[in-house]
Protein backbone atom coordinates (compact mmCIF):
# COMPACT_ATOMS: atom_id res chain seq x y z
CA UNK A 1 87.96 -6.93 47.88
CA UNK A 2 85.50 -9.41 46.42
CA UNK A 3 87.17 -11.80 43.86
CA UNK A 4 86.00 -12.66 40.40
CA UNK A 5 84.25 -16.10 40.60
CA UNK A 6 86.37 -18.68 38.75
CA UNK A 7 84.64 -20.10 35.76
CA UNK A 8 83.21 -23.53 36.45
CA UNK A 9 83.73 -25.11 33.01
CA UNK A 10 86.53 -27.72 32.81
CA UNK A 11 89.73 -27.08 31.13
CA UNK A 12 89.45 -27.42 27.28
CA UNK A 13 91.29 -30.70 27.41
CA UNK A 14 88.92 -32.34 29.95
CA UNK A 15 85.92 -34.47 28.93
CA UNK A 16 83.12 -33.89 31.59
CA UNK A 17 80.47 -36.59 31.88
CA UNK A 18 77.36 -35.85 29.86
CA UNK A 19 74.35 -34.50 31.56
CA UNK A 20 71.36 -35.99 29.80
CA UNK A 21 67.79 -34.52 30.30
CA UNK A 22 64.27 -35.38 29.09
CA UNK A 23 61.25 -33.04 28.85
CA UNK A 24 57.68 -34.09 28.79
CA UNK A 25 54.24 -32.40 28.66
CA UNK A 26 53.59 -30.78 32.04
CA UNK A 27 49.92 -31.80 32.31
CA UNK A 28 48.86 -28.06 32.58
CA UNK A 29 49.67 -24.82 31.06
CA UNK A 30 52.82 -22.82 31.81
CA UNK A 31 51.99 -19.98 34.15
CA UNK A 32 53.92 -17.17 35.73
CA UNK A 33 55.92 -13.91 35.55
CA UNK A 34 59.59 -14.52 35.35
CA UNK A 35 62.92 -12.77 34.73
CA UNK A 36 65.56 -14.31 32.49
CA UNK A 37 69.33 -13.69 32.63
CA UNK A 38 70.81 -10.40 31.35
CA UNK A 39 71.59 -9.94 27.66
CA UNK A 40 74.64 -11.87 26.76
CA UNK A 41 75.68 -9.46 23.96
CA UNK A 42 75.34 -6.38 26.15
CA UNK A 43 77.12 -8.18 29.18
CA UNK A 44 80.13 -9.02 27.09
CA UNK A 45 80.43 -5.47 25.65
CA UNK A 46 79.93 -3.73 29.02
CA UNK A 47 82.85 -5.62 30.55
CA UNK A 48 85.10 -4.76 27.52
CA UNK A 49 84.20 -1.08 27.31
CA UNK A 50 84.50 -0.83 31.06
CA UNK A 51 88.04 -2.17 30.78
CA UNK A 52 88.79 0.43 27.99
CA UNK A 53 87.27 3.36 29.85
CA UNK A 54 88.96 5.90 32.14
CA UNK A 55 87.36 5.57 35.52
CA UNK A 56 85.00 2.97 37.28
CA UNK A 57 82.00 1.43 35.34
CA UNK A 58 79.20 -0.02 37.45
CA UNK A 59 77.16 -2.77 35.75
CA UNK A 60 73.79 -4.10 36.92
CA UNK A 61 71.98 -7.09 35.57
CA UNK A 62 75.08 -8.75 34.20
CA UNK A 63 74.59 -12.29 32.85
CA UNK A 64 76.66 -14.48 35.10
CA UNK A 65 76.81 -17.41 32.71
CA UNK A 66 79.97 -19.09 31.86
CA UNK A 67 80.46 -17.28 28.55
CA UNK A 68 80.40 -13.85 30.24
CA UNK A 69 82.54 -14.91 33.14
CA UNK A 70 85.27 -15.86 30.66
CA UNK A 71 85.15 -12.29 29.39
CA UNK A 72 85.35 -10.89 32.85
CA UNK A 73 88.35 -13.12 33.58
CA UNK A 74 89.96 -12.07 30.29
CA UNK A 75 89.57 -8.35 31.11
CA UNK A 76 91.16 -8.96 34.56
CA UNK A 77 94.10 -10.76 32.83
CA UNK A 78 94.50 -7.75 30.57
CA UNK A 79 94.93 -5.38 33.55
CA UNK A 80 91.37 -4.08 34.40
CA UNK A 81 90.20 -4.34 37.99
CA UNK A 82 87.04 -6.47 37.94
CA UNK A 83 84.96 -6.92 41.01
CA UNK A 84 81.64 -8.79 41.72
CA UNK A 85 79.61 -6.74 44.11
CA UNK A 86 76.56 -8.94 44.25
CA UNK A 87 74.16 -10.88 41.98
CA UNK A 88 74.48 -9.30 38.52
CA UNK A 89 76.26 -6.31 40.08
CA UNK A 90 79.80 -5.67 38.95
CA UNK A 91 82.46 -2.90 38.92
CA UNK A 92 85.16 -2.52 36.40
CA UNK A 93 87.98 -0.02 36.79
CA UNK A 94 89.35 0.51 33.34
CA UNK A 95 92.83 1.31 31.89
CA UNK A 96 91.83 3.62 29.04
CA UNK A 97 91.96 3.10 25.27
CA UNK A 98 95.37 1.49 24.37
CA UNK A 99 96.10 0.81 28.03
CA UNK A 100 95.60 -2.94 28.31
CA UNK A 101 98.58 -5.05 29.35
CA UNK A 102 100.07 -8.39 28.17
CA UNK A 103 98.36 -11.30 29.94
CA UNK A 104 100.66 -13.61 32.05
CA UNK A 105 98.83 -16.76 30.78
CA UNK A 106 96.60 -18.13 28.05
CA UNK A 107 93.10 -16.53 27.80
CA UNK A 108 90.61 -19.31 27.89
CA UNK A 109 87.32 -18.32 26.23
CA UNK A 110 85.46 -21.62 27.11
CA UNK A 111 82.53 -21.96 24.71
CA UNK A 112 82.14 -18.30 23.88
CA UNK A 113 82.59 -17.43 20.16
CA UNK A 114 81.47 -13.85 20.87
CA UNK A 115 84.11 -13.30 23.47
CA UNK A 116 86.89 -14.91 21.28
CA UNK A 117 86.03 -12.88 18.22
CA UNK A 118 85.61 -9.57 20.00
CA UNK A 119 88.75 -10.03 22.02
CA UNK A 120 90.65 -10.52 18.75
CA UNK A 121 89.76 -6.99 17.76
CA UNK A 122 90.55 -5.71 21.23
CA UNK A 123 94.07 -7.27 21.17
CA UNK A 124 94.83 -6.28 17.61
CA UNK A 125 95.07 -2.56 18.63
CA UNK A 126 97.30 -3.13 21.58
CA UNK A 127 101.10 -3.75 21.34
CA UNK A 128 101.01 -7.00 23.24
CA UNK A 129 101.21 -10.87 22.74
CA UNK A 130 98.39 -13.10 23.92
CA UNK A 131 97.15 -16.59 23.16
CA UNK A 132 93.42 -17.50 23.02
CA UNK A 133 91.98 -20.99 23.37
CA UNK A 134 88.60 -22.49 24.29
CA UNK A 135 86.76 -25.70 24.79
CA UNK A 136 86.49 -28.48 22.14
CA UNK A 137 83.44 -26.80 20.47
CA UNK A 138 85.10 -23.41 20.28
CA UNK A 139 88.33 -24.80 18.96
CA UNK A 140 86.43 -26.11 15.92
CA UNK A 141 84.89 -22.86 15.07
CA UNK A 142 86.47 -20.55 12.28
CA UNK A 143 88.09 -17.31 13.37
CA UNK A 144 89.56 -16.31 9.91
CA UNK A 145 86.55 -14.09 8.99
CA UNK A 146 87.56 -11.85 11.91
CA UNK A 147 91.42 -12.21 11.91
CA UNK A 148 91.81 -11.65 8.04
CA UNK A 149 90.41 -8.05 8.02
CA UNK A 150 92.17 -7.36 11.28
CA UNK A 151 95.52 -8.04 9.49
CA UNK A 152 95.28 -4.54 7.93
CA UNK A 153 95.66 -2.99 11.28
CA UNK A 154 99.21 -4.37 11.51
CA UNK A 155 98.31 -7.12 13.93
CA UNK A 156 99.45 -10.74 13.34
CA UNK A 157 97.54 -13.98 14.01
CA UNK A 158 98.88 -17.56 14.07
CA UNK A 159 96.56 -20.46 14.54
CA UNK A 160 95.54 -23.89 13.46
CA UNK A 161 94.31 -24.68 9.92
CA UNK A 162 91.38 -22.42 9.02
CA UNK A 163 92.45 -19.86 11.60
CA UNK A 164 91.06 -22.00 14.46
CA UNK A 165 91.97 -21.78 18.18
CA UNK A 166 94.48 -21.99 19.84
CA UNK A 167 95.39 -18.59 18.30
CA UNK A 168 98.40 -16.46 19.04
CA UNK A 169 97.83 -12.64 18.71
CA UNK A 170 100.52 -10.01 18.23
CA UNK A 171 98.84 -6.67 18.45
CA UNK A 172 99.89 -3.61 16.47
CA UNK A 173 102.29 -1.09 17.98
CA UNK A 174 100.73 1.63 15.79
CA UNK A 175 97.33 0.23 14.64
CA UNK A 176 96.01 1.42 11.28
CA UNK A 177 92.41 2.34 10.78
CA UNK A 178 90.34 0.02 8.66
CA UNK A 179 87.92 0.47 5.76
CA UNK A 180 86.12 -2.91 5.35
CA UNK A 181 82.80 -4.24 3.89
CA UNK A 182 81.69 -7.19 5.94
CA UNK A 183 80.79 -9.85 3.23
CA UNK A 184 78.38 -11.85 5.36
CA UNK A 185 76.14 -10.21 8.14
CA UNK A 186 77.97 -10.60 11.41
CA UNK A 187 77.71 -8.36 14.47
CA UNK A 188 80.89 -10.18 15.84
CA UNK A 189 82.98 -9.24 12.90
CA UNK A 190 81.79 -5.70 12.76
CA UNK A 191 82.32 -5.27 16.58
CA UNK A 192 85.87 -6.76 16.40
CA UNK A 193 86.82 -4.28 13.65
CA UNK A 194 85.36 -1.39 15.67
CA UNK A 195 87.21 -2.36 18.86
CA UNK A 196 90.41 -2.50 16.89
CA UNK A 197 89.64 0.95 15.49
CA UNK A 198 89.50 2.49 18.93
CA UNK A 199 93.24 2.31 19.15
CA UNK A 200 93.94 3.55 15.59
CA UNK A 201 94.65 7.12 14.63
CA UNK A 202 92.02 8.24 12.10
CA UNK A 203 88.65 7.01 11.14
CA UNK A 204 87.67 3.33 11.04
CA UNK A 205 84.92 2.63 8.51
CA UNK A 206 82.84 -0.59 8.58
CA UNK A 207 80.17 -1.28 5.81
CA UNK A 208 77.41 -3.75 6.29
CA UNK A 209 75.27 -5.09 3.47
CA UNK A 210 72.46 -5.90 5.99
CA UNK A 211 72.11 -4.22 9.45
CA UNK A 212 73.22 -6.46 12.29
CA UNK A 213 72.60 -5.90 16.12
CA UNK A 214 74.05 -2.48 17.00
CA UNK A 215 74.97 -2.91 20.72
CA UNK A 216 78.59 -2.05 19.98
CA UNK A 217 77.65 1.25 18.31
CA UNK A 218 75.23 2.10 21.13
CA UNK A 219 77.82 1.29 23.76
CA UNK A 220 80.53 3.30 21.97
CA UNK A 221 78.32 6.34 22.20
CA UNK A 222 77.36 5.64 25.80
CA UNK A 223 81.09 5.71 26.77
CA UNK A 224 81.80 8.80 24.89
CA UNK A 225 83.17 7.74 21.39
CA UNK A 226 82.24 9.61 18.20
CA UNK A 227 80.33 7.19 15.97
CA UNK A 228 78.41 7.98 12.70
CA UNK A 229 75.98 5.61 11.07
CA UNK A 230 74.58 6.37 7.60
CA UNK A 231 72.95 4.62 4.77
CA UNK A 232 74.78 4.57 1.39
CA UNK A 233 72.47 2.91 -1.09
CA UNK A 234 71.44 -0.37 0.41
CA UNK A 235 74.52 -0.44 2.62
CA UNK A 236 74.77 0.62 6.29
CA UNK A 237 78.08 2.45 7.03
CA UNK A 238 79.60 2.85 10.50
CA UNK A 239 82.37 5.31 11.13
CA UNK A 240 84.38 5.51 14.30
CA UNK A 241 86.84 8.33 15.31
CA UNK A 242 90.04 6.58 16.68
CA UNK A 243 91.78 7.05 19.96
CA UNK A 244 88.86 8.62 22.01
CA UNK A 245 88.99 8.95 25.64
CA UNK A 246 86.21 6.65 26.80
CA UNK A 247 84.65 7.74 30.04
CA UNK A 248 83.26 5.29 32.59
CA UNK A 249 79.46 5.07 32.36
CA UNK A 250 76.95 2.95 34.25
CA UNK A 251 75.34 0.03 32.24
CA UNK A 252 71.96 -1.51 33.08
CA UNK A 253 71.89 -4.82 31.20
CA UNK A 254 68.28 -5.68 29.95
CA UNK A 255 67.00 -9.28 30.08
CA UNK A 256 68.20 -11.27 27.02
CA UNK A 257 65.71 -11.56 24.09
CA UNK A 258 67.59 -14.70 23.03
CA UNK A 259 66.92 -16.26 26.32
CA UNK A 260 63.39 -15.04 26.67
CA UNK A 261 62.69 -16.86 23.43
CA UNK A 262 62.63 -20.32 25.16
CA UNK A 263 59.91 -19.70 27.81
CA UNK A 264 57.89 -17.51 25.36
CA UNK A 265 57.86 -20.08 22.59
CA UNK A 266 57.02 -22.76 25.11
CA UNK A 267 54.02 -20.76 26.29
CA UNK A 268 52.87 -20.45 22.64
CA UNK A 269 52.97 -24.20 22.24
CA UNK A 270 51.73 -25.70 25.56
CA UNK A 271 47.87 -25.47 25.82
CA UNK A 272 46.57 -23.24 28.62
CA UNK A 273 49.83 -21.28 28.98
CA UNK A 274 50.35 -17.57 29.73
CA UNK A 275 53.93 -16.46 30.55
CA UNK A 276 55.27 -12.92 31.09
CA UNK A 277 59.01 -12.25 30.83
CA UNK A 278 59.93 -8.92 32.49
CA UNK A 279 62.33 -6.30 31.25
CA UNK A 280 63.39 -7.88 27.96
CA UNK A 281 65.66 -5.97 25.66
CA UNK A 282 63.64 -4.74 22.60
CA UNK A 283 66.42 -3.36 20.39
CA UNK A 284 64.80 -3.40 16.94
CA UNK A 285 67.86 -5.22 15.51
CA UNK A 286 67.23 -8.15 17.99
CA UNK A 287 63.43 -8.51 17.78
CA UNK A 288 63.06 -10.50 14.50
CA UNK A 289 61.83 -13.59 16.39
CA UNK A 290 59.00 -11.72 18.09
CA UNK A 291 57.98 -10.20 14.77
CA UNK A 292 58.00 -13.59 13.20
CA UNK A 293 55.97 -15.20 15.94
CA UNK A 294 53.33 -12.53 15.65
CA UNK A 295 53.15 -13.29 11.91
CA UNK A 296 52.58 -16.85 12.64
CA UNK A 297 49.56 -15.81 14.80
CA UNK A 298 51.31 -16.09 18.09
CA UNK A 299 49.78 -14.17 21.07
CA UNK A 300 52.69 -11.96 21.98
CA UNK A 301 52.29 -8.48 23.52
CA UNK A 302 54.51 -5.86 25.04
CA UNK A 303 53.64 -3.81 28.22
CA UNK A 304 55.62 -1.38 30.29
CA UNK A 305 57.76 -0.21 27.38
CA UNK A 306 60.63 2.03 28.46
CA UNK A 307 64.34 2.86 27.81
CA UNK A 308 67.13 1.61 30.20
CA UNK A 309 70.78 2.24 29.57
CA UNK A 310 70.22 3.38 26.07
CA UNK A 311 68.32 0.25 25.04
CA UNK A 312 64.55 -0.20 24.64
CA UNK A 313 63.01 -2.60 27.15
CA UNK A 314 59.51 -3.98 27.86
CA UNK A 315 57.70 -6.88 29.50
CA UNK A 316 56.61 -9.62 26.98
CA UNK A 317 53.59 -11.81 27.49
CA UNK A 318 52.97 -14.97 25.51
CA UNK A 319 49.80 -17.11 25.50
CA UNK A 320 48.99 -20.41 23.84
CA UNK A 321 48.22 -19.92 20.13
CA UNK A 322 47.39 -21.86 16.99
CA UNK A 323 50.34 -21.07 14.81
CA UNK A 324 50.46 -20.90 10.95
CA UNK A 325 53.43 -21.26 8.67
CA UNK A 326 55.40 -18.24 7.51
CA UNK A 327 58.00 -17.22 4.94
CA UNK A 328 60.80 -15.32 6.67
CA UNK A 329 62.99 -13.17 4.38
CA UNK A 330 66.83 -13.40 4.48
CA UNK A 331 66.99 -9.73 5.48
CA UNK A 332 65.49 -10.54 8.87
CA UNK A 333 68.10 -13.26 9.62
CA UNK A 334 70.68 -10.88 11.37
CA UNK A 335 68.03 -9.76 13.86
CA UNK A 336 67.25 -13.30 14.97
CA UNK A 337 70.15 -15.55 14.08
CA UNK A 338 70.38 -17.17 17.40
CA UNK A 339 66.61 -17.83 17.66
CA UNK A 340 66.21 -20.05 14.54
CA UNK A 341 66.41 -23.43 16.33
CA UNK A 342 63.60 -22.54 18.72
CA UNK A 343 61.70 -20.95 15.91
CA UNK A 344 62.02 -24.23 13.92
CA UNK A 345 60.44 -25.88 16.91
CA UNK A 346 57.47 -23.53 16.81
CA UNK A 347 57.10 -24.19 13.02
CA UNK A 348 57.00 -27.91 13.84
CA UNK A 349 53.63 -27.30 15.66
CA UNK A 350 52.23 -24.76 13.01
CA UNK A 351 49.75 -25.41 10.15
CA UNK A 352 51.35 -24.92 6.73
CA UNK A 353 54.76 -24.45 5.29
CA UNK A 354 57.40 -22.30 6.88
CA UNK A 355 60.51 -21.25 5.02
CA UNK A 356 63.44 -19.48 6.75
CA UNK A 357 65.72 -17.95 4.19
CA UNK A 358 69.40 -16.97 4.29
CA UNK A 359 70.76 -19.10 7.11
CA UNK A 360 74.35 -19.43 5.99
CA UNK A 361 75.55 -17.86 9.35
CA UNK A 362 74.03 -20.77 11.19
CA UNK A 363 76.67 -23.18 9.77
CA UNK A 364 79.44 -21.46 11.85
CA UNK A 365 77.80 -21.29 15.29
CA UNK A 366 78.57 -23.48 18.23
CA UNK A 367 77.75 -26.36 15.95
CA UNK A 368 76.53 -26.47 12.33
CA UNK A 369 73.32 -25.21 13.78
CA UNK A 370 71.43 -25.66 10.60
CA UNK A 371 72.26 -29.27 10.33
CA UNK A 372 71.75 -29.72 14.01
CA UNK A 373 68.22 -28.08 13.87
CA UNK A 374 67.19 -30.42 11.02
CA UNK A 375 68.47 -33.40 12.96
CA UNK A 376 66.59 -32.30 16.14
CA UNK A 377 63.40 -32.26 14.12
CA UNK A 378 63.95 -35.45 12.33
CA UNK A 379 64.75 -37.35 15.55
CA UNK A 380 61.24 -36.30 16.68
CA UNK A 381 59.19 -37.09 13.73
CA UNK A 382 59.24 -33.77 11.84
CA UNK A 383 60.62 -33.63 8.38
CA UNK A 384 62.63 -30.46 7.38
CA UNK A 385 64.42 -29.74 4.13
CA UNK A 386 67.50 -27.55 3.36
CA UNK A 387 67.57 -25.84 -0.08
CA UNK A 388 70.79 -23.83 -0.29
CA UNK A 389 70.74 -21.77 2.83
CA UNK A 390 66.99 -22.02 3.36
CA UNK A 391 65.25 -24.23 5.93
CA UNK A 392 61.76 -25.54 4.93
CA UNK A 393 59.32 -27.11 7.49
CA UNK A 394 55.77 -28.16 6.42
CA UNK A 395 53.29 -29.34 9.06
CA UNK A 396 49.60 -29.81 9.67
CA UNK A 397 49.23 -27.96 12.98
CA UNK A 398 49.21 -31.17 15.10
CA UNK A 399 51.63 -31.58 18.03
CA UNK A 400 55.07 -32.90 17.02
CA UNK A 401 55.35 -36.65 17.65
CA UNK A 402 58.50 -36.31 19.87
CA UNK A 403 59.98 -39.48 21.34
CA UNK A 404 63.53 -38.96 20.00
CA UNK A 405 66.93 -38.30 21.44
CA UNK A 406 68.70 -35.11 20.27
CA UNK A 407 72.44 -34.85 19.75
CA UNK A 408 73.32 -31.36 20.97
CA UNK A 409 77.00 -31.16 19.66
CA UNK A 410 77.78 -28.94 22.76
CA UNK A 411 75.25 -26.33 21.44
CA UNK A 412 73.20 -24.78 24.26
CA UNK A 413 70.52 -23.46 21.95
CA UNK A 414 69.99 -26.88 20.33
CA UNK A 415 69.69 -28.28 23.82
CA UNK A 416 67.15 -25.66 25.15
CA UNK A 417 65.10 -25.79 21.89
CA UNK A 418 64.85 -29.58 22.20
CA UNK A 419 63.57 -29.33 25.76
CA UNK A 420 61.01 -26.80 24.75
CA UNK A 421 59.84 -29.21 22.02
CA UNK A 422 59.33 -31.97 24.58
CA UNK A 423 57.01 -29.77 26.69
CA UNK A 424 54.47 -29.72 23.90
CA UNK A 425 55.10 -32.91 21.87
CA UNK A 426 53.01 -36.13 22.00
CA UNK A 427 55.89 -38.07 23.53
CA UNK A 428 58.85 -36.83 25.66
CA UNK A 429 62.08 -35.55 24.02
CA UNK A 430 65.50 -36.58 25.31
CA UNK A 431 68.66 -34.59 25.08
CA UNK A 432 72.10 -36.25 25.16
CA UNK A 433 73.81 -33.52 27.15
CA UNK A 434 72.76 -30.24 28.85
CA UNK A 435 75.86 -29.59 30.97
CA UNK A 436 76.78 -26.35 28.89
CA UNK A 437 73.30 -24.70 29.06
CA UNK A 438 74.53 -22.63 31.98
CA UNK A 439 77.07 -21.05 29.65
CA UNK A 440 74.31 -18.72 28.59
CA UNK A 441 71.14 -19.45 30.53
CA UNK A 442 71.99 -20.38 34.17
CA UNK A 443 68.98 -21.80 35.94
CA UNK A 444 67.09 -22.64 32.79
CA UNK A 445 65.77 -25.97 34.03
CA UNK A 446 64.60 -24.73 37.38
CA UNK A 447 62.91 -21.65 35.71
CA UNK A 448 61.01 -23.84 33.18
CA UNK A 449 59.97 -26.32 35.83
CA UNK A 450 58.66 -23.39 37.93
CA UNK A 451 56.41 -22.32 35.12
CA UNK A 452 55.22 -25.98 34.57
CA UNK A 453 54.41 -26.50 38.32
CA UNK A 454 56.60 -29.60 38.50
CA UNK A 455 59.56 -31.51 37.01
CA UNK A 456 58.58 -31.42 33.38
CA UNK A 457 62.41 -31.30 32.54
CA UNK A 458 64.38 -33.89 34.49
CA UNK A 459 67.10 -36.49 34.22
CA UNK A 460 65.82 -39.53 32.18
CA UNK A 461 64.91 -42.45 34.58
CA UNK A 462 67.28 -44.77 32.93
CA UNK A 463 69.45 -44.10 29.97
CA UNK A 464 68.55 -41.67 27.18
CA UNK A 465 65.99 -43.49 25.15
CA UNK A 466 62.38 -44.44 25.77
């Protein structure tokens, strides 16, 4: 039987050597048709629902980045049989709803906030004890917004100040259904509550003030659960009937739109570029970035639109474009929350003022992503302002100056956004560490260099600074 690959990240207590990189203009346009890794959100959920289903679930296109491998390892520790059959091809033999077993050791989530928060919900509905931990970045991130509503199931959580990891979880022997309105848009919180509700007798009801990505609702239906979604005024209400018998079902994971964002934005910014990313997930609750780029004048088109595994999919092509500033409403933020750093890079090359509203959620990502994005721009000669939870960038349409070194704070999206910036800036852009990019986008550097026709992204020749 093939064995699950061991995660390659170091133990949370270790301090690996930084892996600095520098990106520079490639000297020609980015060209090519590429694939990007599978959707991370769908990959996490496919493994979890496979573990909760009766029978064997076959998954194709699974993202094999560090974050998802942590989830795979956790499902195996909780009693599911998890096999890797080939590249992106996995098989999960589940234990049924309520059938997970107590893990023998600590569950290490590495850098994955999604895995940690969703697994809190998964564990809350099972009568077992478990401890979650993660790397230095994840241990700084708040978990209380997930654990506090989960207390109403009967589960108990004990962690560090602020509810941070390491976190001990005692699941409920007879979990109660929840009725909860999520105060800040968060697909992770919503999903954790629905996962806990699977094990509860009765109806779990989750209310959203703004719609967030609905992969959990789609996958619940795909595996046979009864889920109702309705509008009540300006609220979105999800109801889940508890204790279903989930049935194993094949899952084809689409290409991750959050990963596709990086080569597509780079193509919009580098003169002479035309890049196609094949098979990108086009779930309407995930396409806010693409809508925004079109509003900015970006040449972005979809071909070969289709449905795979219950999710809309298409091939996206981006070509070099003169961009203009845009005002993005707060209501769009949930559909593009992970893409704001690379969108800010696009705005740094646009003519006019861009204002991105309602970015409170960015403050609790892998880093304070709002502050890190402002610092990324400032280090490379682009002034940005924060007013409340809004980010404002005013530019004249000229290439960003570049020439700076970006502190990534162990945030893979900040690192990749900075490297995209360097491909189009007047001067190269350096990044202090890129070792954690593989957590979500394995092969990023090689893919971008393939489009560039050479090593546009490489280790700096000496030190970090020009």
